[in-house]
Amino acid sequence: MNLARVAGACYVVTFLAGSWALAGRGPLRLEANAVAAASYVAVTLLFYRLFRPVHAGVSLAAAIVSLAGCTLSALVMSRVVTSPVNPLALFGIYCLLIGWLAARSTLPVALGALMAFGGLGWLTFAIPDLARALAPYNFAPGIVGEALLTLWLLVAGPTVQRRPS
């Protein structure tokens, strides 16, 4: 099966489970968050492999930041730890890095720009007062950028390579 399509399918699971975790109530909320975290770990590892040909170092940095965000999110949601850093801010950095990689790859440059724009939306969560002031609008860039990238991966199933100079 095509790596890009598998990543896109895992991203769909992340969206669905993450939406349930944010909107749900009761014990299913914790389970939905676990599914979202696990599927986002899969997306992260698949994206690392997918974007490694573009720039191995940036792809690795993106994976590390995303895995840290997944870990922090799971720990905070399960109330194992409290954190002054909202995990969405880490996903903002991740989306910026993936946007950079996508823009320098054979994917449409617009997808990279949208992912980077989405990253800026998620970065607002690094400053809680700013995030609250912009809510719910600060969710939109990330949702749009990530959803369009997901759709492209599912439909086109591209092999990602470095864009020729």
C-alpha atoms as a PDB file:
ATOM      1  CA  MET A   1       0.000   0.000   0.000  1.00  0.00           C
ATOM      2  CA  ASN A   2       1.153   3.526  -0.747  1.00  0.00           C
ATOM      3  CA  LEU A   3       2.885   5.217   2.213  1.00  0.00           C
ATOM      4  CA  ALA A   4       1.183   8.571   1.565  1.00  0.00           C
ATOM      5  CA  ARG A   5      -2.285   6.997   1.518  1.00  0.00           C
ATOM      6  CA  VAL A   6      -1.597   5.101   4.743  1.00  0.00           C
ATOM      7  CA  ALA A   7      -0.481   8.386   6.354  1.00  0.00           C
ATOM      8  CA  GLY A   8      -3.648  10.065   5.078  1.00  0.00           C
ATOM      9  CA  ALA A   9      -5.834   7.269   6.478  1.00  0.00           C
ATOM     10  CA  CYS A  10      -4.109   7.529   9.867  1.00  0.00           C
ATOM     11  CA  TYR A  11      -4.668  11.290   9.769  1.00  0.00           C
ATOM     12  CA  VAL A  12      -8.406  10.702   9.231  1.00  0.00           C
ATOM     13  CA  VAL A  13      -8.471   8.496  12.337  1.00  0.00           C
ATOM     14  CA  THR A  14      -6.642  11.253  14.229  1.00  0.00           C
ATOM     15  CA  PHE A  15      -9.234  13.849  13.170  1.00  0.00           C
ATOM     16  CA  LEU A  16     -12.196  11.680  14.103  1.00  0.00           C
ATOM     17  CA  ALA A  17     -10.833  10.478  17.441  1.00  0.00           C
ATOM     18  CA  GLY A  18      -9.434  13.910  18.312  1.00  0.00           C
ATOM     19  CA  SER A  19     -12.783  15.550  17.626  1.00  0.00           C
ATOM     20  CA  TRP A  20     -14.476  13.007  19.873  1.00  0.00           C
ATOM     21  CA  ALA A  21     -11.862  13.586  22.595  1.00  0.00           C
ATOM     22  CA  LEU A  22     -12.407  17.356  22.470  1.00  0.00           C
ATOM     23  CA  ALA A  23     -16.199  17.260  22.318  1.00  0.00           C
ATOM     24  CA  GLY A  24     -16.963  14.027  24.172  1.00  0.00           C
ATOM     25  CA  ARG A  25     -17.875  13.547  27.791  1.00  0.00           C
ATOM     26  CA  GLY A  26     -17.257  10.742  30.226  1.00  0.00           C
ATOM     27  CA  PRO A  27     -14.948   7.755  29.994  1.00  0.00           C
ATOM     28  CA  LEU A  28     -15.032   7.529  26.195  1.00  0.00           C
ATOM     29  CA  ARG A  29     -13.215  10.851  26.055  1.00  0.00           C
ATOM     30  CA  LEU A  30     -10.070   9.285  27.488  1.00  0.00           C
ATOM     31  CA  GLU A  31     -10.258   6.340  25.088  1.00  0.00           C
ATOM     32  CA  ALA A  32     -10.809   8.663  22.126  1.00  0.00           C
ATOM     33  CA  ASN A  33      -7.766  10.684  23.161  1.00  0.00           C
ATOM     34  CA  ALA A  34      -5.696   7.481  23.336  1.00  0.00           C
ATOM     35  CA  VAL A  35      -6.807   6.514  19.818  1.00  0.00           C
ATOM     36  CA  ALA A  36      -6.054  10.036  18.555  1.00  0.00           C
ATOM     37  CA  ALA A  37      -2.608   9.984  20.165  1.00  0.00           C
ATOM     38  CA  ALA A  38      -1.786   6.535  18.787  1.00  0.00           C
ATOM     39  CA  SER A  39      -2.904   7.461  15.277  1.00  0.00           C
ATOM     40  CA  TYR A  40      -0.954  10.740  15.431  1.00  0.00           C
ATOM     41  CA  VAL A  41       2.150   8.774  16.447  1.00  0.00           C
ATOM     42  CA  ALA A  42       1.576   6.668  13.329  1.00  0.00           C
ATOM     43  CA  VAL A  43       1.164   9.834  11.206  1.00  0.00           C
ATOM     44  CA  THR A  44       4.373  11.214  12.708  1.00  0.00           C
ATOM     45  CA  LEU A  45       6.387   8.100  11.924  1.00  0.00           C
ATOM     46  CA  LEU A  46       4.924   7.847   8.421  1.00  0.00           C
ATOM     47  CA  PHE A  47       5.595  11.540   7.757  1.00  0.00           C
ATOM     48  CA  TYR A  48       9.166  11.081   8.946  1.00  0.00           C
ATOM     49  CA  ARG A  49       9.651   8.391   6.289  1.00  0.00           C
ATOM     50  CA  LEU A  50       7.636  10.306   3.698  1.00  0.00           C
ATOM     51  CA  PHE A  51       9.531  13.599   4.080  1.00  0.00           C
ATOM     52  CA  ARG A  52      13.002  12.201   4.849  1.00  0.00           C
ATOM     53  CA  PRO A  53      14.023  12.441   1.154  1.00  0.00           C
ATOM     54  CA  VAL A  54      13.301  16.180   1.256  1.00  0.00           C
ATOM     55  CA  HIS A  55      15.506  16.897   4.299  1.00  0.00           C
ATOM     56  CA  ALA A  56      16.378  14.146   6.770  1.00  0.00           C
ATOM     57  CA  GLY A  57      17.338  16.503   9.609  1.00  0.00           C
ATOM     58  CA  VAL A  58      14.199  18.628   9.471  1.00  0.00           C
ATOM     59  CA  SER A  59      12.066  15.518   9.102  1.00  0.00           C
ATOM     60  CA  LEU A  60      13.677  14.035  12.225  1.00  0.00           C
ATOM     61  CA  ALA A  61      13.238  17.293  14.164  1.00  0.00           C
ATOM     62  CA  ALA A  62       9.560  17.380  13.187  1.00  0.00           C
ATOM     63  CA  ALA A  63       9.098  13.782  14.340  1.00  0.00           C
ATOM     64  CA  ILE A  64      10.744  14.476  17.702  1.00  0.00           C
ATOM     65  CA  VAL A  65       8.577  17.554  18.337  1.00  0.00           C
ATOM     66  CA  SER A  66       5.420  15.690  17.337  1.00  0.00           C
ATOM     67  CA  LEU A  67       6.225  12.675  19.508  1.00  0.00           C
ATOM     68  CA  ALA A  68       6.860  15.027  22.437  1.00  0.00           C
ATOM     69  CA  GLY A  69       3.469  16.641  21.787  1.00  0.00           C
ATOM     70  CA  CYS A  70       1.742  13.249  21.607  1.00  0.00           C
ATOM     71  CA  THR A  71       3.361  12.151  24.855  1.00  0.00           C
ATOM     72  CA  LEU A  72       2.533  15.385  26.650  1.00  0.00           C
ATOM     73  CA  SER A  73      -1.033  15.343  25.357  1.00  0.00           C
ATOM     74  CA  ALA A  74      -1.601  11.783  26.574  1.00  0.00           C
ATOM     75  CA  LEU A  75      -0.091  12.525  29.989  1.00  0.00           C
ATOM     76  CA  VAL A  76      -2.098  15.714  30.477  1.00  0.00           C
ATOM     77  CA  MET A  77      -5.360  14.170  29.258  1.00  0.00           C
ATOM     78  CA  SER A  78      -4.964  11.187  31.585  1.00  0.00           C
ATOM     79  CA  ARG A  79      -4.086  13.602  34.424  1.00  0.00           C
ATOM     80  CA  VAL A  80      -0.693  12.005  35.060  1.00  0.00           C
ATOM     81  CA  VAL A  81       0.975  15.425  34.834  1.00  0.00           C
ATOM     82  CA  THR A  82       0.015  19.049  34.526  1.00  0.00           C
ATOM     83  CA  SER A  83       1.914  21.226  32.119  1.00  0.00           C
ATOM     84  CA  PRO A  84       2.271  24.959  31.603  1.00  0.00           C
ATOM     85  CA  VAL A  85       2.749  24.169  27.906  1.00  0.00           C
ATOM     86  CA  ASN A  86      -0.325  23.275  25.883  1.00  0.00           C
ATOM     87  CA  PRO A  87       0.550  20.315  23.626  1.00  0.00           C
ATOM     88  CA  LEU A  88      -1.109  22.124  20.704  1.00  0.00           C
ATOM     89  CA  ALA A  89       1.814  24.574  20.733  1.00  0.00           C
ATOM     90  CA  LEU A  90       4.177  21.662  20.020  1.00  0.00           C
ATOM     91  CA  PHE A  91       1.938  20.589  17.155  1.00  0.00           C
ATOM     92  CA  GLY A  92       2.263  24.161  15.886  1.00  0.00           C
ATOM     93  CA  ILE A  93       6.014  23.710  15.600  1.00  0.00           C
ATOM     94  CA  TYR A  94       5.436  20.330  13.969  1.00  0.00           C
ATOM     95  CA  CYS A  95       3.048  21.792  11.384  1.00  0.00           C
ATOM     96  CA  LEU A  96       5.509  24.599  10.596  1.00  0.00           C
ATOM     97  CA  LEU A  97       8.248  22.037   9.968  1.00  0.00           C
ATOM     98  CA  ILE A  98       5.983  19.787   7.893  1.00  0.00           C
ATOM     99  CA  GLY A  99       4.848  22.864   5.963  1.00  0.00           C
ATOM    100  CA  TRP A 100       8.476  23.725   5.226  1.00  0.00           C
ATOM    101  CA  LEU A 101       9.162  20.162   4.087  1.00  0.00           C
ATOM    102  CA  ALA A 102       6.004  20.006   1.971  1.00  0.00           C
ATOM    103  CA  ALA A 103       6.792  23.327   0.273  1.00  0.00           C
ATOM    104  CA  ARG A 104      10.247  22.027  -0.692  1.00  0.00           C
ATOM    105  CA  SER A 105       8.911  18.708  -1.905  1.00  0.00           C
ATOM    106  CA  THR A 106       7.067  17.621  -5.015  1.00  0.00           C
ATOM    107  CA  LEU A 107       3.746  18.286  -3.229  1.00  0.00           C
ATOM    108  CA  PRO A 108       1.902  21.468  -4.229  1.00  0.00           C
ATOM    109  CA  VAL A 109       3.583  24.461  -2.584  1.00  0.00           C
ATOM    110  CA  ALA A 110       0.150  25.671  -1.435  1.00  0.00           C
ATOM    111  CA  LEU A 111      -0.175  22.601   0.811  1.00  0.00           C
ATOM    112  CA  GLY A 112       3.086  23.494   2.508  1.00  0.00           C
ATOM    113  CA  ALA A 113       1.945  27.083   2.966  1.00  0.00           C
ATOM    114  CA  LEU A 114      -1.388  25.947   4.423  1.00  0.00           C
ATOM    115  CA  MET A 115       0.350  23.574   6.851  1.00  0.00           C
ATOM    116  CA  ALA A 116       2.678  26.374   7.970  1.00  0.00           C
ATOM    117  CA  PHE A 117      -0.319  28.706   8.392  1.00  0.00           C
ATOM    118  CA  GLY A 118      -1.991  25.965  10.425  1.00  0.00           C
ATOM    119  CA  GLY A 119       1.127  25.761  12.562  1.00  0.00           C
ATOM    120  CA  LEU A 120       0.799  29.449  13.364  1.00  0.00           C
ATOM    121  CA  GLY A 121      -2.761  28.837  14.556  1.00  0.00           C
ATOM    122  CA  TRP A 122      -1.626  26.025  16.850  1.00  0.00           C
ATOM    123  CA  LEU A 123       1.291  28.146  18.112  1.00  0.00           C
ATOM    124  CA  THR A 124      -1.170  30.604  19.644  1.00  0.00           C
ATOM    125  CA  PHE A 125      -1.688  27.946  22.336  1.00  0.00           C
ATOM    126  CA  ALA A 126       1.827  28.696  23.622  1.00  0.00           C
ATOM    127  CA  ILE A 127       0.310  31.858  25.132  1.00  0.00           C
ATOM    128  CA  PRO A 128      -2.880  30.864  26.975  1.00  0.00           C
ATOM    129  CA  ASP A 129      -4.376  34.378  27.049  1.00  0.00           C
ATOM    130  CA  LEU A 130      -3.820  34.770  23.309  1.00  0.00           C
ATOM    131  CA  ALA A 131      -5.309  31.336  22.612  1.00  0.00           C
ATOM    132  CA  ARG A 132      -8.413  32.172  24.661  1.00  0.00           C
ATOM    133  CA  ALA A 133      -8.787  35.553  22.934  1.00  0.00           C
ATOM    134  CA  LEU A 134      -8.569  33.989  19.460  1.00  0.00           C
ATOM    135  CA  ALA A 135     -10.667  30.879  20.190  1.00  0.00           C
ATOM    136  CA  PRO A 136     -12.290  29.285  18.281  1.00  0.00           C
ATOM    137  CA  TYR A 137     -10.737  30.962  15.237  1.00  0.00           C
ATOM    138  CA  ASN A 138      -7.213  29.781  16.041  1.00  0.00           C
ATOM    139  CA  PHE A 139      -8.356  26.199  15.386  1.00  0.00           C
ATOM    140  CA  ALA A 140      -9.383  26.932  11.794  1.00  0.00           C
ATOM    141  CA  PRO A 141      -5.946  27.320  10.127  1.00  0.00           C
ATOM    142  CA  GLY A 142      -4.691  24.020  11.536  1.00  0.00           C
ATOM    143  CA  ILE A 143      -7.856  22.143  10.705  1.00  0.00           C
ATOM    144  CA  VAL A 144      -7.925  23.481   7.144  1.00  0.00           C
ATOM    145  CA  GLY A 145      -4.200  22.946   6.479  1.00  0.00           C
ATOM    146  CA  GLU A 146      -4.097  19.465   7.944  1.00  0.00           C
ATOM    147  CA  ALA A 147      -7.402  18.420   6.339  1.00  0.00           C
ATOM    148  CA  LEU A 148      -6.292  19.519   2.865  1.00  0.00           C
ATOM    149  CA  LEU A 149      -2.955  17.753   3.228  1.00  0.00           C
ATOM    150  CA  THR A 150      -4.823  14.633   4.377  1.00  0.00           C
ATOM    151  CA  LEU A 151      -7.159  14.812   1.397  1.00  0.00           C
ATOM    152  CA  TRP A 152      -4.221  15.244  -1.000  1.00  0.00           C
ATOM    153  CA  LEU A 153      -2.411  12.261   0.494  1.00  0.00           C
ATOM    154  CA  LEU A 154      -5.517  10.069   0.239  1.00  0.00           C
ATOM    155  CA  VAL A 155      -6.448  11.096  -3.299  1.00  0.00           C
ATOM    156  CA  ALA A 156      -3.076  11.596  -4.968  1.00  0.00           C
ATOM    157  CA  GLY A 157      -1.037   9.129  -2.906  1.00  0.00           C
ATOM    158  CA  PRO A 158       2.141  10.915  -3.959  1.00  0.00           C
ATOM    159  CA  THR A 159       5.703   9.754  -3.672  1.00  0.00           C
ATOM    160  CA  VAL A 160       7.362  12.676  -1.936  1.00  0.00           C
ATOM    161  CA  GLN A 161      10.731  13.810  -3.206  1.00  0.00           C
ATOM    162  CA  ARG A 162      12.838  16.927  -2.956  1.00  0.00           C
ATOM    163  CA  ARG A 163      11.724  19.549  -5.448  1.00  0.00           C
ATOM    164  CA  PRO A 164      14.334  19.951  -8.185  1.00  0.00           C
ATOM    165  CA  SER A 165      16.330  23.166  -7.854  1.00  0.00           C
END
